[in-house]
N, C-alpha and C. Protein backbone atom coordinates (compact mmCIF):
# COMPACT_ATOMS: atom_id res chain seq x y z
N MET A 1 163.84 -127.38 10.57
CA MET A 1 164.59 -128.07 11.62
C MET A 1 165.17 -126.83 12.46
N ALA A 2 165.63 -125.05 11.82
CA ALA A 2 165.70 -124.50 12.80
C ALA A 2 164.46 -124.49 13.48
N MET A 3 163.76 -124.59 13.37
CA MET A 3 162.50 -124.12 14.64
C MET A 3 162.70 -125.19 15.89
N ASN A 4 162.49 -126.69 15.56
CA ASN A 4 163.26 -127.54 16.74
C ASN A 4 164.30 -127.06 17.10
N GLU A 5 165.58 -126.56 16.55
CA GLU A 5 166.48 -125.85 17.21
C GLU A 5 166.64 -124.52 18.51
N ASN A 6 165.62 -123.79 18.25
CA ASN A 6 164.61 -122.64 18.47
C ASN A 6 163.71 -123.37 20.23
N THR A 7 163.01 -123.84 20.11
CA THR A 7 162.54 -125.04 20.65
C THR A 7 163.38 -125.12 22.18
N LEU A 8 164.46 -126.06 21.59
CA LEU A 8 165.19 -126.28 22.48
C LEU A 8 165.60 -125.72 23.30
N GLN A 9 166.33 -124.89 22.40
CA GLN A 9 166.85 -123.16 23.18
C GLN A 9 166.04 -122.66 23.92
N LYS A 10 165.26 -122.65 23.43
CA LYS A 10 163.77 -122.11 25.40
C LYS A 10 163.83 -123.69 26.08
N ALA A 11 163.72 -124.18 25.58
CA ALA A 11 162.98 -125.80 26.41
C ALA A 11 164.73 -125.47 27.75
N GLU A 12 165.67 -125.08 26.84
CA GLU A 12 166.62 -124.58 28.04
C GLU A 12 167.13 -123.83 29.56
N THR A 13 166.24 -122.65 28.18
CA THR A 13 166.55 -121.29 29.19
C THR A 13 165.37 -121.70 30.00
N LEU A 14 164.27 -121.90 29.56
CA LEU A 14 163.05 -121.95 31.24
C LEU A 14 162.88 -123.06 31.77
N SER A 15 164.39 -124.09 31.42
CA SER A 15 165.02 -125.12 33.01
C SER A 15 166.06 -124.42 34.07
N ALA A 16 166.76 -123.35 33.56
CA ALA A 16 167.55 -123.13 33.58
C ALA A 16 167.28 -121.79 34.35
N SER A 17 165.94 -121.35 34.40
CA SER A 17 165.29 -120.37 34.73
C SER A 17 165.50 -120.71 37.02
N PRO A 18 166.07 -118.80 36.74
CA PRO A 18 166.42 -118.99 38.59
C PRO A 18 165.48 -119.22 39.87
N ASP A 19 165.19 -120.48 40.44
CA ASP A 19 163.83 -120.24 42.12
C ASP A 19 164.18 -119.05 42.08
N TYR A 20 163.04 -119.00 41.54
CA TYR A 20 162.22 -117.14 41.84
C TYR A 20 162.14 -117.17 43.43
N THR A 21 161.71 -117.85 44.15
CA THR A 21 160.54 -118.58 45.35
C THR A 21 162.09 -118.84 46.82
N LYS A 22 162.62 -119.55 46.08
CA LYS A 22 164.07 -119.69 47.35
C LYS A 22 165.00 -118.13 46.40
N ILE A 23 164.59 -117.58 45.91
CA ILE A 23 165.66 -116.66 45.87
C ILE A 23 165.12 -115.48 47.46
N VAL A 24 163.56 -115.43 47.02
CA VAL A 24 162.97 -113.98 48.04
C VAL A 24 163.35 -115.38 49.39
N GLN A 25 163.25 -115.87 49.18
CA GLN A 25 163.31 -116.12 50.93
C GLN A 25 165.03 -116.47 51.79
N SER A 26 165.90 -116.63 50.97
CA SER A 26 167.20 -116.01 51.38
C SER A 26 167.92 -114.87 51.55
N PRO A 27 168.75 -114.90 53.28
CA PRO A 27 169.09 -114.09 53.81
C PRO A 27 169.39 -113.14 52.78
N SER A 28 170.24 -112.91 51.77
CA SER A 28 170.49 -111.88 50.59
C SER A 28 169.77 -111.29 50.70
N PHE A 29 168.23 -111.35 50.09
CA PHE A 29 167.32 -111.02 49.49
C PHE A 29 166.77 -110.43 50.46
N GLN A 30 166.55 -110.83 52.00
CA GLN A 30 165.91 -110.04 52.79
C GLN A 30 166.91 -109.21 53.59
N LYS A 31 168.25 -109.38 53.62
CA LYS A 31 168.25 -108.25 53.63
C LYS A 31 169.10 -106.36 53.28
N LEU A 32 168.53 -107.22 51.27
CA LEU A 32 168.38 -105.89 50.12
C LEU A 32 166.81 -105.26 50.96
N LEU A 33 166.02 -105.93 51.06
CA LEU A 33 164.40 -105.97 51.48
C LEU A 33 164.87 -104.91 52.12
N ARG A 34 165.48 -105.40 53.75
CA ARG A 34 165.33 -105.05 54.63
C ARG A 34 166.33 -103.08 55.11
N SER A 35 167.49 -103.43 54.34
CA SER A 35 168.48 -102.21 53.38
C SER A 35 167.74 -101.00 52.95
N LYS A 36 166.59 -101.32 52.36
CA LYS A 36 166.09 -100.54 51.85
C LYS A 36 165.04 -99.72 52.36
N ARG A 37 164.37 -100.45 52.83
CA ARG A 37 163.68 -100.05 53.72
C ARG A 37 163.70 -99.64 54.69
N ASN A 38 164.86 -99.29 55.12
CA ASN A 38 165.18 -98.66 56.69
C ASN A 38 165.73 -97.56 55.85
N PHE A 39 166.43 -97.37 54.41
CA PHE A 39 166.42 -96.54 54.07
C PHE A 39 165.52 -94.96 53.37
N ILE A 40 164.55 -96.02 52.19
CA ILE A 40 163.67 -95.18 51.84
C ILE A 40 162.73 -94.64 52.59
N LEU A 41 162.26 -95.26 53.38
CA LEU A 41 160.76 -95.33 54.36
C LEU A 41 161.02 -93.96 55.15
N PRO A 42 162.42 -93.67 55.76
CA PRO A 42 162.11 -92.33 56.79
C PRO A 42 162.62 -91.23 55.93
N LEU A 43 164.08 -91.47 55.17
CA LEU A 43 163.56 -90.28 53.76
C LEU A 43 162.67 -89.71 53.49
N SER A 44 161.45 -90.68 52.87
CA SER A 44 160.30 -90.37 51.89
C SER A 44 159.70 -89.09 53.42
N LEU A 45 159.43 -89.88 54.95
CA LEU A 45 158.46 -89.36 55.97
C LEU A 45 159.06 -87.70 56.29
N PHE A 46 160.47 -88.05 56.28
CA PHE A 46 161.02 -86.79 56.29
C PHE A 46 160.46 -85.61 55.19
N PHE A 47 160.65 -86.05 54.04
CA PHE A 47 160.63 -85.83 52.49
C PHE A 47 159.17 -84.76 52.55
N LEU A 48 158.01 -85.47 52.65
CA LEU A 48 156.47 -85.58 52.70
C LEU A 48 156.30 -84.09 53.68
N ALA A 49 157.04 -84.68 55.27
CA ALA A 49 157.01 -84.01 55.66
C ALA A 49 157.74 -82.12 55.88
N PHE A 50 158.66 -82.28 55.01
CA PHE A 50 158.89 -80.95 55.14
C PHE A 50 158.00 -80.09 53.85
N TYR A 51 158.17 -80.71 53.24
CA TYR A 51 158.06 -79.81 51.80
C TYR A 51 155.97 -79.73 52.33
N PHE A 52 155.00 -80.06 52.97
CA PHE A 52 154.33 -80.20 52.92
C PHE A 52 154.03 -79.10 54.20
N THR A 53 154.43 -79.14 54.87
CA THR A 53 154.89 -78.01 56.08
C THR A 53 155.01 -76.72 55.18
N LEU A 54 155.71 -76.55 54.65
CA LEU A 54 155.93 -74.16 53.90
C LEU A 54 154.39 -74.66 53.16
N PRO A 55 153.72 -75.19 52.61
CA PRO A 55 152.15 -74.57 52.56
C PRO A 55 151.01 -74.59 53.69
N ILE A 56 150.96 -75.70 54.82
CA ILE A 56 150.26 -75.83 55.65
C ILE A 56 150.91 -73.96 56.99
N LEU A 57 152.02 -73.46 57.04
CA LEU A 57 152.89 -72.91 57.48
C LEU A 57 152.05 -70.84 56.65
N THR A 58 151.79 -71.33 55.42
CA THR A 58 151.90 -70.08 54.60
C THR A 58 150.21 -69.90 54.59
N ALA A 59 149.50 -70.38 54.93
CA ALA A 59 148.08 -71.76 54.93
C ALA A 59 147.56 -70.89 56.56
N TYR A 60 147.74 -70.90 57.42
CA TYR A 60 147.49 -71.22 58.60
C TYR A 60 147.84 -70.58 59.55
N THR A 61 149.87 -69.45 59.27
CA THR A 61 149.78 -69.28 60.01
C THR A 61 150.91 -68.10 59.08
N THR A 62 151.39 -67.10 60.80
CA THR A 62 151.95 -65.92 59.75
C THR A 62 154.08 -65.78 60.00
N VAL A 63 153.75 -67.39 60.68
CA VAL A 63 155.39 -67.21 61.42
C VAL A 63 156.85 -67.37 59.86
N LEU A 64 156.06 -67.92 58.79
CA LEU A 64 157.11 -67.86 57.79
C LEU A 64 157.00 -66.12 57.39
N ASN A 65 156.44 -64.87 57.48
CA ASN A 65 155.85 -63.57 57.03
C ASN A 65 157.23 -62.97 57.61
N GLN A 66 158.42 -62.95 58.65
CA GLN A 66 158.35 -62.21 59.32
C GLN A 66 159.99 -62.01 58.12
N PRO A 67 160.50 -61.65 58.54
CA PRO A 67 161.92 -61.23 57.55
C PRO A 67 163.38 -61.58 57.97
N ALA A 68 163.89 -62.43 57.45
CA ALA A 68 164.80 -62.77 57.45
C ALA A 68 166.34 -62.47 57.50
N PHE A 69 166.22 -61.76 55.84
CA PHE A 69 167.47 -61.13 55.38
C PHE A 69 166.71 -59.58 55.22
N ALA A 70 166.88 -58.22 55.21
CA ALA A 70 167.05 -57.31 54.23
C ALA A 70 164.87 -57.59 53.99
N SER A 71 164.23 -57.56 52.65
CA SER A 71 163.56 -58.07 52.86
C SER A 71 162.91 -58.77 52.71
N MET A 72 163.71 -59.51 52.52
CA MET A 72 163.58 -61.42 51.83
C MET A 72 162.87 -62.17 52.81
N THR A 73 161.23 -62.51 53.36
CA THR A 73 160.98 -63.57 54.09
C THR A 73 161.12 -65.02 54.62
N TRP A 74 161.14 -65.53 55.72
CA TRP A 74 160.55 -67.11 55.59
C TRP A 74 160.59 -67.59 55.15
N ALA A 75 159.64 -68.06 54.64
CA ALA A 75 158.57 -68.19 53.23
C ALA A 75 159.77 -67.90 52.60
N TRP A 76 159.94 -67.38 52.02
CA TRP A 76 161.32 -68.12 50.95
C TRP A 76 162.50 -68.56 51.00
N ILE A 77 162.60 -68.62 52.57
CA ILE A 77 164.22 -69.33 52.99
C ILE A 77 163.57 -70.67 52.50
N PHE A 78 162.12 -70.84 53.22
CA PHE A 78 161.80 -72.03 53.79
C PHE A 78 161.60 -73.13 51.65
N ALA A 79 161.85 -71.94 50.98
CA ALA A 79 160.43 -72.60 50.07
C ALA A 79 162.69 -72.92 49.22
N PHE A 80 163.12 -72.83 48.96
CA PHE A 80 164.74 -72.48 48.21
C PHE A 80 165.27 -73.96 49.49
N ALA A 81 165.26 -73.79 50.50
CA ALA A 81 165.55 -75.23 51.20
C ALA A 81 164.61 -76.02 50.61
N GLN A 82 163.70 -76.53 49.90
CA GLN A 82 162.98 -77.54 49.61
C GLN A 82 164.14 -77.75 48.83
N PHE A 83 164.25 -77.03 47.84
CA PHE A 83 165.64 -77.60 46.25
C PHE A 83 166.70 -77.76 46.64
N ILE A 84 167.01 -77.13 47.97
CA ILE A 84 168.01 -77.47 48.25
C ILE A 84 168.44 -79.85 49.25
N MET A 85 166.74 -79.44 49.62
CA MET A 85 166.35 -81.20 50.04
C MET A 85 166.35 -81.88 49.41
N THR A 86 166.29 -81.52 48.16
CA THR A 86 165.51 -82.61 46.82
C THR A 86 166.56 -82.75 46.56
N TRP A 87 168.03 -82.36 46.06
CA TRP A 87 169.54 -82.37 45.91
C TRP A 87 169.94 -83.55 47.02
N VAL A 88 170.07 -83.36 48.13
CA VAL A 88 170.54 -83.99 48.89
C VAL A 88 169.89 -85.39 48.40
N LEU A 89 168.40 -84.99 48.38
CA LEU A 89 168.29 -86.62 48.84
C LEU A 89 168.43 -87.73 47.58
N CYS A 90 168.24 -86.47 46.27
CA CYS A 90 168.85 -87.45 45.65
C CYS A 90 170.83 -87.92 45.18
N ILE A 91 170.67 -86.50 45.53
CA ILE A 91 172.82 -87.48 46.31
C ILE A 91 172.62 -88.34 46.72
N LEU A 92 172.32 -88.68 47.90
CA LEU A 92 172.19 -89.56 49.54
C LEU A 92 171.25 -91.26 49.08
N TYR A 93 170.34 -90.72 47.89
CA TYR A 93 169.82 -92.00 47.43
C TYR A 93 170.62 -92.74 45.99
N THR A 94 171.67 -91.59 45.00
CA THR A 94 172.15 -91.96 44.11
C THR A 94 173.66 -93.21 44.92
N LYS A 95 173.95 -92.36 45.93
CA LYS A 95 175.97 -92.92 46.70
C LYS A 95 174.67 -94.61 47.48
N ARG A 96 173.70 -94.49 47.89
CA ARG A 96 172.88 -95.37 48.63
C ARG A 96 172.72 -96.93 47.78
N ALA A 97 172.01 -96.12 46.31
CA ALA A 97 171.90 -96.78 45.48
C ALA A 97 173.38 -97.94 45.20
N ALA A 98 173.90 -97.17 45.53
CA ALA A 98 175.01 -98.27 44.71
C ALA A 98 175.44 -99.03 45.91
N GLN A 99 175.84 -99.49 46.34
CA GLN A 99 175.56 -100.41 47.98
C GLN A 99 173.89 -101.65 47.89
N PHE A 100 173.64 -101.15 46.91
CA PHE A 100 171.97 -101.91 46.58
C PHE A 100 172.00 -102.96 46.18
N ASP A 101 172.83 -102.28 44.98
CA ASP A 101 173.28 -102.66 43.46
C ASP A 101 174.39 -104.30 43.71
N LYS A 102 175.29 -103.31 45.00
CA LYS A 102 176.21 -104.80 45.36
C LYS A 102 175.20 -106.09 45.84
N LEU A 103 175.13 -105.67 46.84
CA LEU A 103 173.44 -106.62 47.26
C LEU A 103 173.05 -107.35 46.26
N VAL A 104 172.22 -107.08 44.76
CA VAL A 104 171.81 -107.37 43.82
C VAL A 104 172.66 -108.56 42.94
N GLU A 105 174.48 -108.12 42.88
CA GLU A 105 174.78 -108.84 42.60
C GLU A 105 175.15 -110.43 43.60
N THR A 106 175.66 -109.74 44.47
CA THR A 106 175.20 -110.72 45.78
C THR A 106 174.38 -111.60 45.34
N ILE A 107 173.59 -111.62 45.81
CA ILE A 107 172.13 -111.84 45.09
C ILE A 107 171.86 -113.23 43.86
N LYS A 108 172.86 -112.50 42.88
CA LYS A 108 172.77 -113.37 41.42
C LYS A 108 173.51 -114.13 41.85
N THR A 109 174.58 -114.20 42.50
CA THR A 109 175.81 -114.97 42.31
C THR A 109 175.50 -115.60 43.45
N GLU A 110 175.34 -115.94 43.53
CA GLU A 110 174.07 -116.81 45.11
C GLU A 110 173.40 -117.76 44.57
N ALA A 111 172.44 -116.66 43.15
CA ALA A 111 171.50 -118.22 42.46
C ALA A 111 171.79 -118.55 41.31
N GLY A 112 172.98 -118.27 41.45
CA GLY A 112 173.14 -118.97 40.56
C GLY A 112 174.02 -118.20 38.16
N ASN A 113 173.88 -117.00 38.61
CA ASN A 113 172.83 -116.37 37.33
C ASN A 113 174.40 -115.66 36.81
């Protein structure tokens, strides 16, 4: 008898599942994808450019070998700046993720879940 009740509950759950095709085509979902892409793509490109600039400049030029402060060269300044850049990008993403979460809640509400 309990098996039939479990089967009924599973069937009700399956029939109540959201229409994912409709959700993906909704304006709210499209706005979420656009917002994430417009935020993540430029920051990722900036990160990669900033990250690979140090090894490229140190391998092929002597630009960063010049002293910046006392005996510290620009290579060290650039390397420390990469740590700062990583923290800043993480903070920016964390703050923006809260906005993404609000959009997700809107999508879930519209979908009826």
